[in-house]
Protein backbone atom coordinates (compact mmCIF):
# COMPACT_ATOMS: atom_id res chain seq x y z
CA MET A 1 0.07 0.08 0.04
CA ALA A 2 1.42 3.30 -1.00
CA PRO A 3 2.06 5.71 2.00
CA SER A 4 -0.38 8.41 2.55
CA ASP A 5 0.17 12.15 1.99
CA PRO A 6 0.49 13.73 5.68
CA THR A 7 -0.45 17.10 4.09
CA LEU A 8 -3.94 15.71 3.49
CA ALA A 9 -4.54 15.28 7.19
CA PRO A 10 -5.71 18.11 9.64
CA PRO A 11 -2.63 19.92 11.21
CA PRO A 12 -1.81 18.77 14.75
CA GLN A 13 -2.54 22.12 16.40
CA LEU A 14 -6.03 22.06 14.94
CA LEU A 15 -6.61 18.61 16.46
CA GLN A 16 -5.69 19.97 19.68
CA ARG A 17 -8.24 22.58 19.53
CA LEU A 18 -10.79 20.29 18.23
CA ALA A 19 -10.42 17.72 20.99
CA ARG A 20 -12.54 19.76 23.32
CA ARG A 21 -15.41 20.25 20.69
CA ARG A 22 -18.28 18.12 19.99
CA LEU A 23 -20.77 17.61 17.08
CA SER A 24 -24.32 18.64 17.94
CA VAL A 25 -27.44 17.35 16.41
CA PRO A 26 -31.13 17.04 17.44
CA ALA A 27 -31.73 14.44 20.21
CA ALA A 28 -33.77 12.29 17.76
CA TYR A 29 -30.62 11.23 15.91
CA THR A 30 -28.68 9.70 18.73
CA ALA A 31 -27.87 5.99 18.29
CA GLY A 32 -27.66 4.40 21.67
CA GLY A 33 -24.40 3.53 23.82
CA VAL A 34 -22.97 5.58 26.34
CA GLY A 35 -22.09 9.13 24.94
CA GLU A 36 -22.22 12.75 25.51
CA HIS A 37 -25.37 13.81 23.58
CA PRO A 38 -28.79 14.03 25.23
CA SER A 39 -31.22 11.59 23.80
CA VAL A 40 -34.96 11.83 23.54
CA ALA A 41 -35.17 8.82 25.94
CA LYS A 42 -35.34 9.41 29.64
CA GLY A 43 -34.17 7.12 32.42
CA PRO A 44 -31.62 6.43 35.09
CA GLY A 45 -28.66 9.04 34.88
CA LEU A 46 -26.99 11.97 36.58
CA GLU A 47 -28.71 15.08 35.32
CA PHE A 48 -32.43 15.56 36.23
CA ALA A 49 -34.74 16.18 33.37
CA GLU A 50 -38.33 16.09 34.62
CA HIS A 51 -40.85 14.40 36.66
CA ARG A 52 -43.65 11.99 35.41
CA ALA A 53 -46.48 10.19 36.98
CA TYR A 54 -45.68 6.81 38.57
CA GLN A 55 -46.66 3.76 36.45
CA PRO A 56 -46.94 0.20 37.72
CA GLY A 57 -43.67 -1.48 37.14
CA ASP A 58 -41.53 1.71 37.72
CA ASP A 59 -38.60 1.32 40.23
CA LEU A 60 -39.75 2.66 43.48
CA ARG A 61 -36.39 3.91 44.21
CA ARG A 62 -37.05 6.65 41.62
CA VAL A 63 -39.98 7.97 43.35
CA ASP A 64 -39.55 11.59 44.51
CA PRO A 65 -40.40 11.57 48.36
CA HIS A 66 -40.66 15.25 48.34
CA VAL A 67 -43.14 15.58 45.60
CA GLU A 68 -45.09 12.67 47.46
CA ALA A 69 -45.11 14.66 50.75
CA ARG A 70 -46.51 17.76 49.08
CA SER A 71 -48.98 16.23 46.84
CA GLY A 72 -49.72 12.89 48.07
CA GLU A 73 -49.11 11.55 44.45
CA LEU A 74 -46.31 9.39 43.26
CA TYR A 75 -43.97 10.91 40.86
CA VAL A 76 -40.86 9.30 39.31
CA ARG A 77 -37.62 11.36 38.77
CA GLU A 78 -36.42 11.11 35.05
CA PHE A 79 -32.99 11.84 34.24
CA GLU A 80 -31.29 12.92 30.85
CA VAL A 81 -29.81 9.78 29.07
CA LEU A 82 -26.74 10.65 27.22
CA GLU A 83 -25.78 8.60 24.12
CA ARG A 84 -23.42 8.44 21.08
CA LEU A 85 -24.05 9.62 17.51
CA ALA A 86 -23.38 7.41 14.54
CA VAL A 87 -21.39 9.80 12.31
CA THR A 88 -20.70 9.12 8.68
CA VAL A 89 -18.53 11.74 6.89
CA VAL A 90 -18.62 11.31 2.93
CA VAL A 91 -16.34 13.05 0.50
CA ASP A 92 -17.06 13.63 -2.98
CA LEU A 93 -13.97 12.83 -5.09
CA SER A 94 -15.31 12.99 -8.61
CA ALA A 95 -13.22 14.50 -11.29
CA SER A 96 -14.53 18.08 -10.71
CA MET A 97 -13.02 17.97 -7.15
CA ALA A 98 -9.46 17.80 -8.58
CA PHE A 99 -9.90 21.44 -9.86
CA GLY A 100 -8.77 24.61 -8.23
CA GLU A 101 -5.86 26.17 -6.39
CA PRO A 102 -5.74 25.08 -3.66
CA GLU A 103 -7.37 21.82 -4.97
CA LYS A 104 -10.92 21.19 -3.78
CA ALA A 105 -10.13 17.42 -3.20
CA ALA A 106 -7.25 18.13 -0.92
CA PHE A 107 -9.10 20.59 1.12
CA ALA A 108 -12.16 18.33 1.30
CA ARG A 109 -10.18 15.44 2.66
CA ARG A 110 -8.62 17.56 5.44
CA LEU A 111 -11.96 19.07 6.26
CA ALA A 112 -13.59 15.57 6.34
CA GLY A 113 -10.72 14.29 8.65
CA ALA A 114 -11.17 17.25 11.10
CA LEU A 115 -15.15 16.68 11.14
CA ALA A 116 -14.38 12.89 11.80
CA TYR A 117 -11.98 13.74 14.56
CA VAL A 118 -14.63 15.93 16.37
CA GLY A 119 -16.98 13.06 16.52
CA LEU A 120 -14.27 10.82 17.63
CA ALA A 121 -13.30 13.28 20.40
CA GLY A 122 -16.89 12.92 21.72
CA ALA A 123 -16.81 9.18 21.61
CA ASP A 124 -19.15 8.99 18.73
CA ARG A 125 -19.07 6.04 16.32
CA VAL A 126 -17.54 7.48 13.17
CA ARG A 127 -16.96 6.03 9.63
CA VAL A 128 -15.64 7.90 6.46
CA ALA A 129 -16.51 7.12 2.88
CA ALA A 130 -15.54 8.58 -0.53
CA PHE A 131 -17.30 8.31 -3.91
CA THR A 132 -15.72 8.66 -7.40
CA GLY A 133 -16.50 7.45 -10.88
CA ARG A 134 -15.33 4.06 -9.61
CA GLY A 135 -18.16 3.95 -7.15
CA LEU A 136 -18.53 4.30 -3.27
CA ALA A 137 -15.58 3.13 -0.90
CA TRP A 138 -15.84 2.80 2.67
CA GLY A 139 -13.10 3.55 5.15
CA PRO A 140 -12.43 2.04 8.53
CA ARG A 141 -14.90 2.24 11.57
CA ALA A 142 -13.51 4.05 14.57
CA GLU A 143 -14.76 5.00 18.13
CA ASN A 144 -12.24 6.98 19.87
CA ALA A 145 -9.73 9.72 18.77
CA ARG A 146 -6.68 7.29 19.05
CA ALA A 147 -7.99 5.70 15.79
CA ALA A 148 -8.06 9.04 13.87
CA GLY A 149 -4.82 8.33 12.20
CA ARG A 150 -6.43 5.34 10.28
CA LEU A 151 -9.14 7.50 8.91
CA PHE A 152 -6.76 10.27 7.97
CA ASP A 153 -4.44 7.72 6.11
CA TRP A 154 -7.41 6.21 4.44
CA LEU A 155 -8.76 9.52 3.18
CA ALA A 156 -5.26 10.51 1.86
CA ARG A 157 -5.22 7.49 -0.21
CA GLN A 158 -8.33 7.96 -2.08
CA ALA A 159 -7.79 9.85 -5.37
CA PRO A 160 -10.38 11.86 -7.23
CA GLY A 161 -11.63 10.88 -10.72
CA GLY A 162 -14.79 9.97 -12.89
CA ALA A 163 -18.37 11.31 -13.11
CA VAL A 164 -20.99 10.44 -10.43
CA ASP A 165 -24.64 10.14 -10.18
CA LEU A 166 -25.52 11.49 -6.70
CA ALA A 167 -28.83 9.77 -6.55
CA SER A 168 -27.18 6.33 -6.99
CA VAL A 169 -24.69 7.12 -4.33
CA ALA A 170 -27.50 8.14 -1.84
CA ARG A 171 -29.22 4.97 -2.67
CA GLU A 172 -26.16 2.79 -1.79
CA LEU A 173 -25.45 5.18 1.24
CA GLY A 174 -29.03 4.76 2.37
CA ALA A 175 -28.70 1.00 2.38
CA ARG A 176 -25.83 0.91 4.60
CA LEU A 177 -25.87 3.76 6.85
CA PRO A 178 -26.49 3.35 10.60
CA ARG A 179 -29.95 4.55 11.62
CA PRO A 180 -30.48 7.02 12.88
CA GLY A 181 -27.36 8.95 12.22
CA LEU A 182 -25.51 12.07 11.20
CA LEU A 183 -24.26 12.42 7.67
CA LEU A 184 -21.84 15.04 6.55
CA LEU A 185 -21.43 15.17 2.75
CA VAL A 186 -18.56 17.36 1.57
CA SER A 187 -18.67 18.18 -2.13
CA ASP A 188 -18.59 20.90 -4.68
CA TRP A 189 -22.34 19.91 -5.37
CA LEU A 190 -21.87 20.18 -8.99
CA PHE A 191 -24.62 17.78 -9.65
CA ALA A 192 -27.59 18.29 -12.03
CA ALA A 193 -30.35 17.63 -9.54
CA PRO A 194 -29.38 16.87 -5.85
CA GLN A 195 -32.92 16.99 -4.44
CA PRO A 196 -33.81 13.15 -5.19
CA ALA A 197 -30.50 12.37 -3.15
CA LEU A 198 -31.55 14.49 -0.23
CA THR A 199 -34.96 12.74 -0.16
CA LEU A 200 -33.26 9.40 -0.17
CA LEU A 201 -30.92 10.21 2.72
CA ARG A 202 -33.63 11.83 4.84
CA ALA A 203 -35.63 8.67 4.41
CA ALA A 204 -32.77 6.63 5.80
CA GLN A 205 -33.04 8.59 9.07
CA GLN A 206 -30.04 10.83 8.55
CA GLU A 207 -29.51 14.27 9.81
CA VAL A 208 -27.88 15.64 6.63
CA VAL A 209 -25.28 18.37 6.61
CA GLY A 210 -24.12 19.45 3.32
CA VAL A 211 -20.77 21.14 2.87
CA GLN A 212 -19.94 22.79 -0.42
CA VAL A 213 -16.36 23.51 -1.26
CA LEU A 214 -15.49 25.74 -4.07
CA ALA A 215 -12.11 27.07 -5.48
CA PRO A 216 -11.48 30.80 -5.49
CA SER A 217 -11.35 30.78 -9.24
CA GLU A 218 -14.98 29.38 -9.32
CA LEU A 219 -16.31 32.13 -7.11
CA ASP A 220 -14.51 34.74 -9.09
CA PRO A 221 -13.11 33.65 -12.39
CA SER A 222 -11.68 37.07 -13.28
CA GLY A 223 -8.12 35.69 -12.73
CA LEU A 224 -8.54 33.32 -15.48
CA GLY A 225 -7.61 36.03 -18.11
CA ALA A 226 -9.68 38.09 -20.40
CA GLY A 227 -11.09 37.60 -23.85
CA ALA A 228 -11.89 34.32 -25.48
CA VAL A 229 -11.12 31.17 -23.27
CA THR A 230 -11.99 27.63 -23.63
CA LEU A 231 -13.78 25.94 -20.63
CA GLN A 232 -13.76 22.10 -20.22
CA ASP A 233 -16.12 19.99 -18.22
CA ALA A 234 -13.80 18.02 -15.78
CA GLU A 235 -16.14 14.96 -15.70
CA THR A 236 -17.55 14.78 -19.46
CA GLY A 237 -14.72 16.46 -21.35
CA ALA A 238 -17.10 18.73 -23.11
CA GLU A 239 -15.60 22.05 -24.02
CA ARG A 240 -17.23 25.51 -24.55
CA GLU A 241 -15.72 28.79 -25.60
CA VAL A 242 -16.68 31.91 -23.75
CA ARG A 243 -15.56 35.54 -23.66
CA LEU A 244 -14.44 36.56 -20.30
CA ASP A 245 -15.40 40.34 -19.99
CA ALA A 246 -17.07 42.46 -17.49
CA ALA A 247 -20.60 41.62 -18.51
CA THR A 248 -19.89 37.80 -18.74
CA LEU A 249 -18.37 37.93 -15.28
CA ALA A 250 -21.39 39.76 -13.81
CA ARG A 251 -23.66 37.25 -15.16
CA TYR A 252 -21.70 34.46 -13.89
CA ALA A 253 -21.64 36.05 -10.33
CA GLU A 254 -25.44 36.44 -10.61
CA ARG A 255 -26.16 32.87 -11.69
CA LEU A 256 -23.69 31.42 -9.09
CA ALA A 257 -25.37 33.28 -6.33
CA ALA A 258 -28.78 32.00 -7.56
CA TRP A 259 -27.55 28.47 -7.92
CA ARG A 260 -26.11 28.39 -4.38
CA ALA A 261 -29.23 29.90 -2.89
CA GLU A 262 -31.44 27.22 -4.60
CA LEU A 263 -29.10 24.51 -3.12
CA GLU A 264 -29.40 26.03 0.40
CA THR A 265 -33.27 26.21 -0.05
CA SER A 266 -33.29 22.56 -0.91
CA PHE A 267 -31.38 21.54 2.15
CA VAL A 268 -33.50 23.64 4.33
CA ARG A 269 -36.66 22.29 2.80
CA HIS A 270 -35.44 18.70 3.52
CA GLY A 271 -34.60 19.52 7.07
CA GLY A 272 -30.84 19.47 6.59
CA THR A 273 -28.09 22.05 7.15
CA TRP A 274 -26.03 23.88 4.41
CA LEU A 275 -22.42 25.11 4.95
CA THR A 276 -19.94 26.47 2.58
CA ALA A 277 -16.27 26.75 2.41
CA ARG A 278 -13.39 28.15 0.05
CA SER A 279 -10.65 25.71 -0.74
CA ASP A 280 -8.14 28.43 0.37
CA THR A 281 -9.80 28.96 3.76
CA ASP A 282 -7.88 28.47 7.05
CA LEU A 283 -9.38 25.15 8.46
CA GLU A 284 -9.33 26.27 12.07
CA ARG A 285 -10.85 29.58 11.26
CA LEU A 286 -13.60 27.75 9.14
CA LEU A 287 -14.51 25.31 11.78
CA LEU A 288 -14.30 27.53 14.95
CA VAL A 289 -15.12 30.93 13.59
CA ASP A 290 -16.92 31.00 10.40
CA TRP A 291 -19.31 28.01 11.27
CA ALA A 292 -19.81 28.94 14.83
CA GLY A 293 -23.32 30.23 14.21
CA SER A 294 -24.37 26.84 12.46
CA GLY A 295 -24.50 24.96 15.81
CA LEU A 296 -22.83 21.98 14.22
CA ILE A 297 -19.67 22.03 16.44
CA ARG A 298 -20.09 23.28 20.08
């Protein structure tokens, strides 16, 4: 097996900061086991949640004597149950992700590794996966931060290439994902119609977080030059000549903004979370500052 590229792993100083962070999702998506995330279930625990009326078969040791003394009624103390998440981090490594300076695929693998590490730091069950034109590949499972290196190595060894049908990928993911779970999908989202895939993933009981990674030149192509240029589709090889001038760049910016807004609307409509990143962004700033308001990492 070829050695992995250490530059594709999150930097050690970032991992030190992330070790104190946790992923955050609605309680309905916890997956059992002992963890750090509040579950919808209530039962024995350390942190008091609420009282409920006593029912035959309840443990009498959980009856609150103070409430009984005041009301003459039996009420059981319920406590918050802390469980783990089942986290799956999926990276798009289709051919379009090999574009950009810095390359989108390189940034996406570092970002995926960092997100996986936050899950591991919180004792969540974490798995990584990647899809290319060759299909969907699964990395090793991990349940603690000591196993993070294996995930980083696996991600670094995955090479981008080929064209992808997102709905087919979502169908395959849905058949194998743990339910319920948190799915983080890192991609440029250059797909014709992502909505069917989102429907499939929500049907698989996933809290879906879509992360769009674009290169600086995709956000502002003015640096590509002026006048006539030939553009090539990285996945189909199709070419198109365009003239880069102020009017063309203005139309491009307008359509790009509309397309990204449509993607975000699709995610919100399907109950998911939409986040964006540039491939030249500092990873620590992205996770701990730019995304602070998203609530994904606490």
